[in-house]
PDB file of all heavy atoms in Angstrom:
ATOM      1  N   THR A   1      -5.979  -0.441  -6.490  1.00  0.00           N
ATOM      2  CA  THR A   1      -7.001  -1.418  -6.149  1.00  0.00           C
ATOM      3  C   THR A   1      -6.554  -2.146  -4.891  1.00  0.00           C
ATOM      4  O   THR A   1      -5.369  -2.448  -4.738  1.00  0.00           O
ATOM      5  CB  THR A   1      -7.208  -2.428  -7.287  1.00  0.00           C
ATOM      6  OG1 THR A   1      -7.569  -1.740  -8.483  1.00  0.00           O
ATOM      7  CG2 THR A   1      -8.308  -3.423  -6.941  1.00  0.00           C
ATOM      8  N   TYR A   2      -7.495  -2.441  -3.989  1.00  0.00           N
ATOM      9  CA  TYR A   2      -7.172  -3.092  -2.727  1.00  0.00           C
ATOM     10  C   TYR A   2      -8.103  -4.263  -2.464  1.00  0.00           C
ATOM     11  O   TYR A   2      -9.281  -4.241  -2.834  1.00  0.00           O
ATOM     12  CB  TYR A   2      -7.298  -2.118  -1.553  1.00  0.00           C
ATOM     13  CG  TYR A   2      -6.346  -0.958  -1.610  1.00  0.00           C
ATOM     14  CD1 TYR A   2      -6.725   0.249  -2.179  1.00  0.00           C
ATOM     15  CD2 TYR A   2      -5.060  -1.078  -1.090  1.00  0.00           C
ATOM     16  CE1 TYR A   2      -5.847   1.314  -2.236  1.00  0.00           C
ATOM     17  CE2 TYR A   2      -4.177  -0.011  -1.147  1.00  0.00           C
ATOM     18  CZ  TYR A   2      -4.572   1.178  -1.717  1.00  0.00           C
ATOM     19  OH  TYR A   2      -3.695   2.235  -1.771  1.00  0.00           O
ATOM     20  N   ALA A   3      -7.576  -5.277  -1.785  1.00  0.00           N
ATOM     21  CA  ALA A   3      -8.423  -6.313  -1.239  1.00  0.00           C
ATOM     22  C   ALA A   3      -9.329  -5.720  -0.169  1.00  0.00           C
ATOM     23  O   ALA A   3      -8.938  -4.799   0.550  1.00  0.00           O
ATOM     24  CB  ALA A   3      -7.573  -7.434  -0.637  1.00  0.00           C
ATOM     25  N   ASP A   4     -10.544  -6.252  -0.062  1.00  0.00           N
ATOM     26  CA  ASP A   4     -11.485  -5.722   0.914  1.00  0.00           C
ATOM     27  C   ASP A   4     -10.928  -5.748   2.333  1.00  0.00           C
ATOM     28  O   ASP A   4     -11.201  -4.847   3.136  1.00  0.00           O
ATOM     29  CB  ASP A   4     -12.793  -6.507   0.867  1.00  0.00           C
ATOM     30  CG  ASP A   4     -13.613  -6.219  -0.374  1.00  0.00           C
ATOM     31  OD1 ASP A   4     -13.363  -5.186  -1.028  1.00  0.00           O
ATOM     32  OD2 ASP A   4     -14.506  -7.021  -0.686  1.00  0.00           O
ATOM     33  N   SER A   5     -10.135  -6.750   2.648  1.00  0.00           N
ATOM     34  CA  SER A   5      -9.640  -6.926   4.005  1.00  0.00           C
ATOM     35  C   SER A   5      -8.643  -5.852   4.438  1.00  0.00           C
ATOM     36  O   SER A   5      -8.395  -5.694   5.635  1.00  0.00           O
ATOM     37  CB  SER A   5      -8.997  -8.303   4.158  1.00  0.00           C
ATOM     38  OG  SER A   5      -7.904  -8.444   3.275  1.00  0.00           O
ATOM     39  N   VAL A   6      -8.061  -5.107   3.485  1.00  0.00           N
ATOM     40  CA  VAL A   6      -7.043  -4.113   3.832  1.00  0.00           C
ATOM     41  C   VAL A   6      -7.464  -2.694   3.494  1.00  0.00           C
ATOM     42  O   VAL A   6      -6.708  -1.752   3.791  1.00  0.00           O
ATOM     43  CB  VAL A   6      -5.691  -4.424   3.164  1.00  0.00           C
ATOM     44  CG1 VAL A   6      -5.256  -5.855   3.460  1.00  0.00           C
ATOM     45  CG2 VAL A   6      -5.748  -4.173   1.660  1.00  0.00           C
ATOM     46  N   LYS A   7      -8.628  -2.499   2.915  1.00  0.00           N
ATOM     47  CA  LYS A   7      -9.081  -1.155   2.570  1.00  0.00           C
ATOM     48  C   LYS A   7      -9.156  -0.281   3.816  1.00  0.00           C
ATOM     49  O   LYS A   7      -9.694  -0.682   4.840  1.00  0.00           O
ATOM     50  CB  LYS A   7     -10.444  -1.209   1.886  1.00  0.00           C
ATOM     51  CG  LYS A   7     -10.399  -1.722   0.465  1.00  0.00           C
ATOM     52  CD  LYS A   7     -11.787  -1.728  -0.164  1.00  0.00           C
ATOM     53  CE  LYS A   7     -11.729  -2.215  -1.599  1.00  0.00           C
ATOM     54  NZ  LYS A   7     -13.079  -2.290  -2.211  1.00  0.00           N
ATOM     55  N   GLY A   8      -8.614   0.915   3.705  1.00  0.00           N
ATOM     56  CA  GLY A   8      -8.580   1.835   4.828  1.00  0.00           C
ATOM     57  C   GLY A   8      -7.403   1.649   5.754  1.00  0.00           C
ATOM     58  O   GLY A   8      -7.177   2.498   6.622  1.00  0.00           O
ATOM     59  N   ARG A   9      -6.657   0.561   5.605  1.00  0.00           N
ATOM     60  CA  ARG A   9      -5.502   0.298   6.461  1.00  0.00           C
ATOM     61  C   ARG A   9      -4.183   0.331   5.693  1.00  0.00           C
ATOM     62  O   ARG A   9      -3.170   0.776   6.232  1.00  0.00           O
ATOM     63  CB  ARG A   9      -5.640  -1.057   7.150  1.00  0.00           C
ATOM     64  CG  ARG A   9      -6.867  -1.167   8.047  1.00  0.00           C
ATOM     65  CD  ARG A   9      -6.830  -2.434   8.888  1.00  0.00           C
ATOM     66  NE  ARG A   9      -6.843  -3.646   8.065  1.00  0.00           N
ATOM     67  CZ  ARG A   9      -5.908  -4.584   8.090  1.00  0.00           C
ATOM     68  NH1 ARG A   9      -4.859  -4.459   8.907  1.00  0.00           N
ATOM     69  NH2 ARG A   9      -6.006  -5.654   7.325  1.00  0.00           N
ATOM     70  N   PHE A  10      -4.182  -0.180   4.463  1.00  0.00           N
ATOM     71  CA  PHE A  10      -2.965  -0.254   3.655  1.00  0.00           C
ATOM     72  C   PHE A  10      -3.039   0.749   2.512  1.00  0.00           C
ATOM     73  O   PHE A  10      -4.120   1.031   1.978  1.00  0.00           O
ATOM     74  CB  PHE A  10      -2.782  -1.651   3.054  1.00  0.00           C
ATOM     75  CG  PHE A  10      -2.504  -2.755   4.040  1.00  0.00           C
ATOM     76  CD1 PHE A  10      -2.526  -2.540   5.405  1.00  0.00           C
ATOM     77  CD2 PHE A  10      -2.214  -4.024   3.571  1.00  0.00           C
ATOM     78  CE1 PHE A  10      -2.276  -3.565   6.306  1.00  0.00           C
ATOM     79  CE2 PHE A  10      -1.958  -5.061   4.454  1.00  0.00           C
ATOM     80  CZ  PHE A  10      -1.986  -4.831   5.814  1.00  0.00           C
ATOM     81  N   THR A  11      -1.883   1.262   2.103  1.00  0.00           N
ATOM     82  CA  THR A  11      -1.788   2.165   0.970  1.00  0.00           C
ATOM     83  C   THR A  11      -0.629   1.745   0.080  1.00  0.00           C
ATOM     84  O   THR A  11       0.498   1.601   0.555  1.00  0.00           O
ATOM     85  CB  THR A  11      -1.582   3.615   1.418  1.00  0.00           C
ATOM     86  OG1 THR A  11      -2.652   4.020   2.283  1.00  0.00           O
ATOM     87  CG2 THR A  11      -1.539   4.546   0.209  1.00  0.00           C
ATOM     88  N   ILE A  12      -0.903   1.553  -1.206  1.00  0.00           N
ATOM     89  CA  ILE A  12       0.143   1.250  -2.170  1.00  0.00           C
ATOM     90  C   ILE A  12       0.504   2.528  -2.922  1.00  0.00           C
ATOM     91  O   ILE A  12      -0.369   3.339  -3.245  1.00  0.00           O
ATOM     92  CB  ILE A  12      -0.288   0.134  -3.138  1.00  0.00           C
ATOM     93  CG1 ILE A  12       0.883  -0.316  -4.019  1.00  0.00           C
ATOM     94  CG2 ILE A  12      -1.484   0.550  -3.977  1.00  0.00           C
ATOM     95  CD1 ILE A  12       0.587  -1.563  -4.849  1.00  0.00           C
ATOM     96  N   SER A  13       1.790   2.720  -3.186  1.00  0.00           N
ATOM     97  CA  SER A  13       2.257   3.869  -3.944  1.00  0.00           C
ATOM     98  C   SER A  13       3.490   3.469  -4.739  1.00  0.00           C
ATOM     99  O   SER A  13       4.082   2.415  -4.496  1.00  0.00           O
ATOM    100  CB  SER A  13       2.565   5.056  -3.020  1.00  0.00           C
ATOM    101  OG  SER A  13       3.586   4.727  -2.093  1.00  0.00           O
ATOM    102  N   ARG A  14       3.881   4.312  -5.692  1.00  0.00           N
ATOM    103  CA  ARG A  14       5.063   3.997  -6.492  1.00  0.00           C
ATOM    104  C   ARG A  14       5.862   5.254  -6.782  1.00  0.00           C
ATOM    105  O   ARG A  14       5.316   6.358  -6.872  1.00  0.00           O
ATOM    106  CB  ARG A  14       4.677   3.286  -7.801  1.00  0.00           C
ATOM    107  CG  ARG A  14       3.820   4.103  -8.747  1.00  0.00           C
ATOM    108  CD  ARG A  14       3.277   3.254  -9.898  1.00  0.00           C
ATOM    109  NE  ARG A  14       4.334   2.821 -10.808  1.00  0.00           N
ATOM    110  CZ  ARG A  14       4.166   1.960 -11.810  1.00  0.00           C
ATOM    111  NH1 ARG A  14       2.965   1.409 -12.008  1.00  0.00           N
ATOM    112  NH2 ARG A  14       5.180   1.630 -12.594  1.00  0.00           N
ATOM    113  N   ASP A  15       7.160   5.061  -6.921  1.00  0.00           N
ATOM    114  CA  ASP A  15       8.089   6.114  -7.303  1.00  0.00           C
ATOM    115  C   ASP A  15       8.698   5.670  -8.625  1.00  0.00           C
ATOM    116  O   ASP A  15       9.590   4.824  -8.658  1.00  0.00           O
ATOM    117  CB  ASP A  15       9.159   6.307  -6.235  1.00  0.00           C
ATOM    118  CG  ASP A  15      10.091   7.465  -6.531  1.00  0.00           C
ATOM    119  OD1 ASP A  15      10.220   7.864  -7.694  1.00  0.00           O
ATOM    120  OD2 ASP A  15      10.711   7.986  -5.571  1.00  0.00           O
ATOM    121  N   ASN A  16       8.199   6.221  -9.714  1.00  0.00           N
ATOM    122  CA  ASN A  16       8.626   5.770 -11.036  1.00  0.00           C
ATOM    123  C   ASN A  16      10.105   6.057 -11.301  1.00  0.00           C
ATOM    124  O   ASN A  16      10.767   5.300 -12.014  1.00  0.00           O
ATOM    125  CB  ASN A  16       7.764   6.420 -12.113  1.00  0.00           C
ATOM    126  CG  ASN A  16       6.339   5.919 -12.095  1.00  0.00           C
ATOM    127  OD1 ASN A  16       6.063   4.794 -11.674  1.00  0.00           O
ATOM    128  ND2 ASN A  16       5.411   6.748 -12.563  1.00  0.00           N
ATOM    129  N   ALA A  17      10.628   7.137 -10.739  1.00  0.00           N
ATOM    130  CA  ALA A  17      12.032   7.467 -10.937  1.00  0.00           C
ATOM    131  C   ALA A  17      12.950   6.428 -10.319  1.00  0.00           C
ATOM    132  O   ALA A  17      14.091   6.257 -10.763  1.00  0.00           O
ATOM    133  CB  ALA A  17      12.337   8.849 -10.366  1.00  0.00           C
ATOM    134  N   LYS A  18      12.476   5.732  -9.288  1.00  0.00           N
ATOM    135  CA  LYS A  18      13.273   4.721  -8.601  1.00  0.00           C
ATOM    136  C   LYS A  18      12.840   3.299  -8.928  1.00  0.00           C
ATOM    137  O   LYS A  18      13.405   2.352  -8.372  1.00  0.00           O
ATOM    138  CB  LYS A  18      13.198   4.931  -7.092  1.00  0.00           C
ATOM    139  CG  LYS A  18      13.772   6.252  -6.615  1.00  0.00           C
ATOM    140  CD  LYS A  18      13.674   6.374  -5.105  1.00  0.00           C
ATOM    141  CE  LYS A  18      14.276   7.682  -4.620  1.00  0.00           C
ATOM    142  NZ  LYS A  18      14.178   7.820  -3.150  1.00  0.00           N
ATOM    143  N   ASN A  19      11.850   3.136  -9.804  1.00  0.00           N
ATOM    144  CA  ASN A  19      11.288   1.817 -10.113  1.00  0.00           C
ATOM    145  C   ASN A  19      10.932   1.058  -8.835  1.00  0.00           C
ATOM    146  O   ASN A  19      11.224  -0.130  -8.695  1.00  0.00           O
ATOM    147  CB  ASN A  19      12.262   0.996 -10.965  1.00  0.00           C
ATOM    148  CG  ASN A  19      12.324   1.467 -12.405  1.00  0.00           C
ATOM    149  OD1 ASN A  19      11.355   2.016 -12.937  1.00  0.00           O
ATOM    150  ND2 ASN A  19      13.456   1.246 -13.044  1.00  0.00           N
ATOM    151  N   THR A  20      10.291   1.758  -7.928  1.00  0.00           N
ATOM    152  CA  THR A  20      10.006   1.217  -6.611  1.00  0.00           C
ATOM    153  C   THR A  20       8.526   1.348  -6.283  1.00  0.00           C
ATOM    154  O   THR A  20       7.897   2.362  -6.597  1.00  0.00           O
ATOM    155  CB  THR A  20      10.844   1.937  -5.544  1.00  0.00           C
ATOM    156  OG1 THR A  20      12.235   1.736  -5.815  1.00  0.00           O
ATOM    157  CG2 THR A  20      10.539   1.401  -4.150  1.00  0.00           C
ATOM    158  N   VAL A  21       7.985   0.326  -5.638  1.00  0.00           N
ATOM    159  CA  VAL A  21       6.625   0.351  -5.128  1.00  0.00           C
ATOM    160  C   VAL A  21       6.681   0.144  -3.621  1.00  0.00           C
ATOM    161  O   VAL A  21       7.541  -0.581  -3.111  1.00  0.00           O
ATOM    162  CB  VAL A  21       5.736  -0.714  -5.816  1.00  0.00           C
ATOM    163  CG1 VAL A  21       6.222  -2.125  -5.516  1.00  0.00           C
ATOM    164  CG2 VAL A  21       4.275  -0.547  -5.417  1.00  0.00           C
ATOM    165  N   TYR A  22       5.758   0.791  -2.918  1.00  0.00           N
ATOM    166  CA  TYR A  22       5.700   0.722  -1.465  1.00  0.00           C
ATOM    167  C   TYR A  22       4.339   0.203  -1.024  1.00  0.00           C
ATOM    168  O   TYR A  22       3.333   0.377  -1.708  1.00  0.00           O
ATOM    169  CB  TYR A  22       5.920   2.098  -0.840  1.00  0.00           C
ATOM    170  CG  TYR A  22       7.195   2.775  -1.266  1.00  0.00           C
ATOM    171  CD1 TYR A  22       7.206   3.676  -2.323  1.00  0.00           C
ATOM    172  CD2 TYR A  22       8.395   2.511  -0.604  1.00  0.00           C
ATOM    173  CE1 TYR A  22       8.372   4.302  -2.715  1.00  0.00           C
ATOM    174  CE2 TYR A  22       9.569   3.134  -0.995  1.00  0.00           C
ATOM    175  CZ  TYR A  22       9.550   4.027  -2.047  1.00  0.00           C
ATOM    176  OH  TYR A  22      10.717   4.651  -2.435  1.00  0.00           O
ATOM    177  N   LEU A  23       4.314  -0.405   0.147  1.00  0.00           N
ATOM    178  CA  LEU A  23       3.069  -0.762   0.797  1.00  0.00           C
ATOM    179  C   LEU A  23       3.132  -0.269   2.233  1.00  0.00           C
ATOM    180  O   LEU A  23       3.873  -0.821   3.047  1.00  0.00           O
ATOM    181  CB  LEU A  23       2.825  -2.273   0.763  1.00  0.00           C
ATOM    182  CG  LEU A  23       1.467  -2.720   1.305  1.00  0.00           C
ATOM    183  CD1 LEU A  23       0.338  -2.242   0.388  1.00  0.00           C
ATOM    184  CD2 LEU A  23       1.408  -4.235   1.472  1.00  0.00           C
ATOM    185  N   GLN A  24       2.387   0.790   2.524  1.00  0.00           N
ATOM    186  CA  GLN A  24       2.268   1.296   3.883  1.00  0.00           C
ATOM    187  C   GLN A  24       1.172   0.509   4.586  1.00  0.00           C
ATOM    188  O   GLN A  24       0.024   0.518   4.144  1.00  0.00           O
ATOM    189  CB  GLN A  24       1.936   2.788   3.884  1.00  0.00           C
ATOM    190  CG  GLN A  24       1.769   3.397   5.268  1.00  0.00           C
ATOM    191  CD  GLN A  24       3.050   3.390   6.065  1.00  0.00           C
ATOM    192  OE1 GLN A  24       4.097   3.772   5.560  1.00  0.00           O
ATOM    193  NE2 GLN A  24       2.977   2.937   7.315  1.00  0.00           N
ATOM    194  N   MET A  25       1.529  -0.163   5.670  1.00  0.00           N
ATOM    195  CA  MET A  25       0.626  -1.057   6.374  1.00  0.00           C
ATOM    196  C   MET A  25       0.378  -0.487   7.769  1.00  0.00           C
ATOM    197  O   MET A  25       1.282  -0.454   8.603  1.00  0.00           O
ATOM    198  CB  MET A  25       1.224  -2.461   6.476  1.00  0.00           C
ATOM    199  CG  MET A  25       1.722  -3.011   5.134  1.00  0.00           C
ATOM    200  SD  MET A  25       2.742  -4.503   5.304  1.00  0.00           S
ATOM    201  CE  MET A  25       1.493  -5.704   5.754  1.00  0.00           C
ATOM    202  N   ASN A  26      -0.848  -0.038   8.013  1.00  0.00           N
ATOM    203  CA  ASN A  26      -1.235   0.521   9.298  1.00  0.00           C
ATOM    204  C   ASN A  26      -2.288  -0.357   9.960  1.00  0.00           C
ATOM    205  O   ASN A  26      -2.940  -1.163   9.309  1.00  0.00           O
ATOM    206  CB  ASN A  26      -1.788   1.940   9.129  1.00  0.00           C
ATOM    207  CG  ASN A  26      -0.782   2.916   8.572  1.00  0.00           C
ATOM    208  OD1 ASN A  26       0.417   2.812   8.841  1.00  0.00           O
ATOM    209  ND2 ASN A  26      -1.257   3.889   7.804  1.00  0.00           N
ATOM    210  N   SER A  27      -2.460  -0.163  11.263  1.00  0.00           N
ATOM    211  CA  SER A  27      -3.459  -0.907  12.034  1.00  0.00           C
ATOM    212  C   SER A  27      -3.354  -2.402  11.782  1.00  0.00           C
ATOM    213  O   SER A  27      -4.349  -3.090  11.532  1.00  0.00           O
ATOM    214  CB  SER A  27      -4.865  -0.396  11.703  1.00  0.00           C
ATOM    215  OG  SER A  27      -5.001   0.977  11.988  1.00  0.00           O
ATOM    216  N   LEU A  28      -2.145  -2.914  11.862  1.00  0.00           N
ATOM    217  CA  LEU A  28      -1.903  -4.317  11.536  1.00  0.00           C
ATOM    218  C   LEU A  28      -2.596  -5.251  12.527  1.00  0.00           C
ATOM    219  O   LEU A  28      -2.685  -4.959  13.719  1.00  0.00           O
ATOM    220  CB  LEU A  28      -0.411  -4.593  11.496  1.00  0.00           C
ATOM    221  CG  LEU A  28       0.282  -4.095  10.220  1.00  0.00           C
ATOM    222  CD1 LEU A  28       1.781  -3.960  10.423  1.00  0.00           C
ATOM    223  CD2 LEU A  28      -0.018  -5.052   9.066  1.00  0.00           C
ATOM    224  N   GLU A  29      -3.069  -6.362  12.002  1.00  0.00           N
ATOM    225  CA  GLU A  29      -3.784  -7.371  12.759  1.00  0.00           C
ATOM    226  C   GLU A  29      -3.051  -8.704  12.658  1.00  0.00           C
ATOM    227  O   GLU A  29      -2.325  -8.944  11.689  1.00  0.00           O
ATOM    228  CB  GLU A  29      -5.207  -7.528  12.216  1.00  0.00           C
ATOM    229  CG  GLU A  29      -5.999  -6.235  12.190  1.00  0.00           C
ATOM    230  CD  GLU A  29      -7.280  -6.344  11.396  1.00  0.00           C
ATOM    231  OE1 GLU A  29      -7.494  -7.374  10.732  1.00  0.00           O
ATOM    232  OE2 GLU A  29      -8.090  -5.394  11.454  1.00  0.00           O
TER     233      GLU A  29
END
């Protein structure tokens, strides 16, 4: 789920084996 302001620019993902979550932030303003 994403906030409207970041849809199409940010991507959240997770690596369960590492208990880690990422936020890829593109086209930053």
